[in-house]
Amino acid sequence: MESNENDSTGKVLRLLKIWIPIILVIVIIISGACIFMLMVNWIPLSATDREYWIEFNSQLLNGIFTFTAITTQPLRFRMAIWTYKWRHSSGESKIEYSSLIEKAVPGIKLSSNAVEPGDERLASTDKETNHLGVTPRWKWYLILTLLNMQCIFQYPVTVAMWGWIGRTKERPNILVGICVPLSFLSMCVGSVWPLLLMRNHNMQVPLTK
């Protein structure tokens, strides 16, 4: 009985992990489209109603981005700790930490060998990296920084949006205007870069019989 309950719980959790991001993406697209149409006056409303619905959709988007930042930041902090331990360990410990990172970020391949600070395998050119199948340290450090900065840039936006709810004229919109693009850019680059590394590596590595 317990085994069946565990299997059912696992299936529900897997479905939630699939559907929650899909639902959030749909809401983001719809809310973003509503804000755009309201700002260009494609939806005929009075000035007061237009301001209300722009604020409503802005707060909805801010809530989603804040939820995303809060739920992903702990794992990204742990990845930073794993990276430090991977960098300063050897043997089984190094393999364990590199496996944790590679599982968390598909496309990243870290050396599980004992590596000295000047090891060329982790400071190599792209050509050498593709041949060895190892991601250079600097690329992984930059990707990890971008993934964390996505969350960090979101927090000032959350404070500005929630601290001045309904007071758009008093809100520090310059702060919002700076942090939102930086958070979005960090997310895009930090998320897409590992996928490009994985794609390039798959194209470079010949198939073996």
Protein backbone atom coordinates (compact mmCIF):
# COMPACT_ATOMS: atom_id res chain seq x y z
CA MET A 1 0.00 0.00 0.00
CA GLU A 2 2.75 2.45 0.95
CA SER A 3 4.56 1.70 -2.30
CA ASN A 4 1.44 2.48 -4.34
CA GLU A 5 0.88 5.72 -2.42
CA ASN A 6 4.50 6.75 -3.01
CA ASP A 7 4.16 6.00 -6.73
CA SER A 8 0.96 8.06 -6.92
CA THR A 9 2.60 10.95 -5.06
CA GLY A 10 5.60 10.79 -7.37
CA LYS A 11 3.37 10.88 -10.46
CA VAL A 12 1.46 13.89 -9.10
CA LEU A 13 4.69 15.75 -8.36
CA ARG A 14 6.05 15.01 -11.83
CA LEU A 15 2.82 16.28 -13.40
CA LEU A 16 2.97 19.43 -11.28
CA LYS A 17 6.57 20.06 -12.35
CA ILE A 18 5.44 19.85 -15.97
CA TRP A 19 2.18 21.76 -15.81
CA ILE A 20 3.01 24.57 -13.38
CA PRO A 21 5.72 26.06 -15.67
CA ILE A 22 3.40 25.70 -18.68
CA ILE A 23 0.56 27.50 -16.88
CA LEU A 24 2.92 30.24 -15.68
CA VAL A 25 4.24 30.79 -19.21
CA ILE A 26 0.68 31.08 -20.55
CA VAL A 27 -0.23 33.60 -17.85
CA ILE A 28 2.95 35.61 -18.57
CA ILE A 29 2.14 35.75 -22.28
CA ILE A 30 -1.49 36.78 -21.71
CA SER A 31 -0.66 39.40 -19.06
CA GLY A 32 2.18 40.81 -21.13
CA ALA A 33 -0.10 41.07 -24.16
CA CYS A 34 -2.78 42.79 -22.06
CA ILE A 35 -0.30 45.37 -20.77
CA PHE A 36 0.91 46.09 -24.30
CA MET A 37 -2.61 46.45 -25.70
CA LEU A 38 -3.64 48.70 -22.82
CA MET A 39 -0.56 50.90 -23.22
CA VAL A 40 -1.17 51.40 -26.96
CA ASN A 41 -4.89 51.93 -26.32
CA TRP A 42 -6.02 48.89 -28.31
CA ILE A 43 -8.47 48.10 -25.52
CA PRO A 44 -10.92 51.02 -25.18
CA LEU A 45 -11.09 51.87 -21.48
CA SER A 46 -11.20 55.01 -19.42
CA ALA A 47 -7.90 56.35 -18.11
CA THR A 48 -8.71 55.14 -14.58
CA ASP A 49 -9.66 51.63 -15.70
CA ARG A 50 -6.65 51.42 -18.00
CA GLU A 51 -4.30 52.35 -15.15
CA TYR A 52 -5.99 49.79 -12.88
CA TRP A 53 -5.64 46.90 -15.34
CA ILE A 54 -2.05 47.79 -16.21
CA GLU A 55 -1.23 47.76 -12.50
CA PHE A 56 -3.14 44.49 -12.00
CA ASN A 57 -1.28 42.68 -14.78
CA SER A 58 2.05 44.20 -13.73
CA GLN A 59 1.57 42.91 -10.18
CA LEU A 60 0.56 39.51 -11.55
CA LEU A 61 3.75 39.29 -13.62
CA ASN A 62 5.81 40.53 -10.70
CA GLY A 63 4.30 37.85 -8.47
CA ILE A 64 5.19 35.12 -10.97
CA PHE A 65 8.77 36.37 -11.42
CA THR A 66 9.19 36.71 -7.65
CA PHE A 67 7.89 33.17 -7.12
CA THR A 68 10.31 31.90 -9.76
CA ALA A 69 13.24 33.72 -8.16
CA ILE A 70 12.45 32.52 -4.64
CA THR A 71 11.99 28.89 -5.70
CA THR A 72 15.09 28.69 -7.93
CA GLN A 73 17.56 30.72 -5.86
CA PRO A 74 18.17 28.02 -3.19
CA LEU A 75 19.25 25.45 -5.81
CA ARG A 76 21.49 28.02 -7.49
CA PHE A 77 23.13 28.88 -4.18
CA ARG A 78 23.67 25.17 -3.59
CA MET A 79 25.25 24.90 -7.04
CA ALA A 80 27.68 27.65 -6.03
CA ILE A 81 28.59 25.64 -2.93
CA TRP A 82 28.91 22.45 -4.99
CA THR A 83 31.17 24.31 -7.43
CA TYR A 84 33.44 25.48 -4.62
CA LYS A 85 33.63 21.97 -3.16
CA TRP A 86 34.15 20.45 -6.62
CA ARG A 87 36.97 22.89 -7.26
CA HIS A 88 38.75 22.04 -3.99
CA SER A 89 38.14 18.29 -3.77
CA SER A 90 39.44 15.15 -5.44
CA GLY A 91 38.57 11.53 -6.01
CA GLU A 92 35.04 10.39 -5.22
CA SER A 93 34.07 13.76 -3.76
CA LYS A 94 34.98 15.54 -6.99
CA ILE A 95 32.95 13.05 -9.03
CA GLU A 96 29.98 13.47 -6.67
CA TYR A 97 29.92 17.28 -6.89
CA SER A 98 30.45 17.37 -10.66
CA SER A 99 27.56 14.89 -11.05
CA LEU A 100 25.28 17.07 -8.91
CA ILE A 101 26.04 20.13 -11.03
CA GLU A 102 25.66 18.27 -14.33
CA LYS A 103 22.30 16.88 -13.21
CA ALA A 104 21.07 20.33 -12.18
CA VAL A 105 22.25 22.04 -15.41
CA PRO A 106 22.12 19.77 -18.48
CA GLY A 107 24.79 20.75 -20.98
CA ILE A 108 27.49 21.40 -18.39
CA LYS A 109 30.29 18.85 -18.25
CA LEU A 110 32.85 19.32 -15.48
CA SER A 111 36.03 17.34 -15.08
CA SER A 112 35.82 14.70 -12.36
CA ASN A 113 39.58 14.25 -12.29
CA ALA A 114 41.91 15.85 -9.80
CA VAL A 115 42.62 19.20 -11.42
CA GLU A 116 45.29 21.67 -10.48
CA PRO A 117 44.59 25.41 -10.86
CA GLY A 118 46.53 25.62 -14.11
CA ASP A 119 45.10 22.50 -15.73
CA GLU A 120 44.66 23.29 -19.43
CA ARG A 121 41.63 21.00 -19.75
CA LEU A 122 39.52 23.52 -17.84
CA ALA A 123 41.12 26.63 -19.31
CA SER A 124 41.11 25.47 -22.89
CA THR A 125 39.79 26.92 -26.10
CA ASP A 126 36.38 25.94 -27.44
CA LYS A 127 38.00 23.52 -29.89
CA GLU A 128 39.89 21.73 -27.14
CA THR A 129 36.81 21.72 -24.94
CA ASN A 130 34.65 20.09 -27.59
CA HIS A 131 37.30 17.44 -28.11
CA LEU A 132 37.55 16.69 -24.41
CA GLY A 133 33.85 17.16 -23.64
CA VAL A 134 34.68 19.40 -20.68
CA THR A 135 33.17 22.84 -20.04
CA PRO A 136 35.83 25.47 -19.28
CA ARG A 137 35.73 26.74 -15.73
CA TRP A 138 35.21 30.35 -16.73
CA LYS A 139 32.13 29.49 -18.78
CA TRP A 140 30.53 27.58 -15.93
CA TYR A 141 31.37 30.35 -13.44
CA LEU A 142 29.78 32.93 -15.73
CA ILE A 143 26.66 30.81 -16.33
CA LEU A 144 26.27 30.23 -12.58
CA THR A 145 26.67 33.96 -11.93
CA LEU A 146 24.03 34.82 -14.53
CA LEU A 147 21.55 32.29 -13.11
CA ASN A 148 21.94 33.80 -9.64
CA MET A 149 21.84 37.39 -10.92
CA GLN A 150 18.47 36.66 -12.55
CA CYS A 151 17.03 36.15 -9.07
CA ILE A 152 19.01 38.94 -7.40
CA PHE A 153 17.87 41.54 -9.94
CA GLN A 154 14.25 40.50 -9.34
CA TYR A 155 14.25 41.31 -5.63
CA PRO A 156 14.52 45.14 -6.01
CA VAL A 157 11.66 44.94 -8.52
CA THR A 158 9.57 43.04 -5.96
CA VAL A 159 10.25 45.68 -3.29
CA ALA A 160 9.37 48.52 -5.68
CA MET A 161 6.18 46.84 -6.93
CA TRP A 162 4.87 45.70 -3.55
CA GLY A 163 6.09 48.72 -1.58
CA TRP A 164 4.17 51.12 -3.83
CA ILE A 165 1.06 49.09 -4.73
CA GLY A 166 -1.45 51.36 -6.44
CA ARG A 167 0.94 54.33 -6.28
CA THR A 168 2.49 54.13 -9.72
CA LYS A 169 3.44 57.81 -9.80
CA GLU A 170 5.44 57.50 -6.56
CA ARG A 171 7.03 54.14 -7.44
CA PRO A 172 10.77 54.19 -8.32
CA ASN A 173 10.13 53.19 -11.93
CA ILE A 174 13.76 53.81 -12.90
CA LEU A 175 14.78 50.97 -10.58
CA VAL A 176 12.13 48.72 -12.13
CA GLY A 177 13.15 49.72 -15.65
CA ILE A 178 16.80 48.86 -14.98
CA CYS A 179 16.39 45.63 -13.03
CA VAL A 180 13.69 43.95 -15.13
CA PRO A 181 15.75 43.89 -18.38
CA LEU A 182 18.89 42.83 -16.48
CA SER A 183 17.02 39.97 -14.81
CA PHE A 184 15.46 38.89 -18.10
CA LEU A 185 18.80 39.08 -19.94
CA SER A 186 20.57 37.09 -17.21
CA MET A 187 17.85 34.42 -17.38
CA CYS A 188 18.01 34.14 -21.18
CA VAL A 189 21.80 33.92 -21.43
CA GLY A 190 22.23 31.72 -18.35
CA SER A 191 19.53 29.28 -19.51
CA VAL A 192 20.33 29.12 -23.23
CA TRP A 193 24.14 28.98 -22.98
CA PRO A 194 24.27 25.46 -21.43
CA LEU A 195 21.89 24.21 -24.15
CA LEU A 196 24.17 25.63 -26.84
CA LEU A 197 27.19 24.00 -25.20
CA MET A 198 25.38 20.65 -25.18
CA ARG A 199 24.31 21.09 -28.81
CA ASN A 200 27.82 22.05 -29.96
CA HIS A 201 29.37 19.17 -28.08
CA ASN A 202 26.91 16.68 -29.59
CA MET A 203 27.74 17.99 -33.05
CA GLN A 204 31.50 17.80 -32.45
CA VAL A 205 31.73 14.33 -30.86
CA PRO A 206 31.77 11.59 -33.54
CA LEU A 207 29.50 8.58 -33.13
CA THR A 208 31.25 5.37 -32.21
CA LYS A 209 30.23 1.97 -33.43
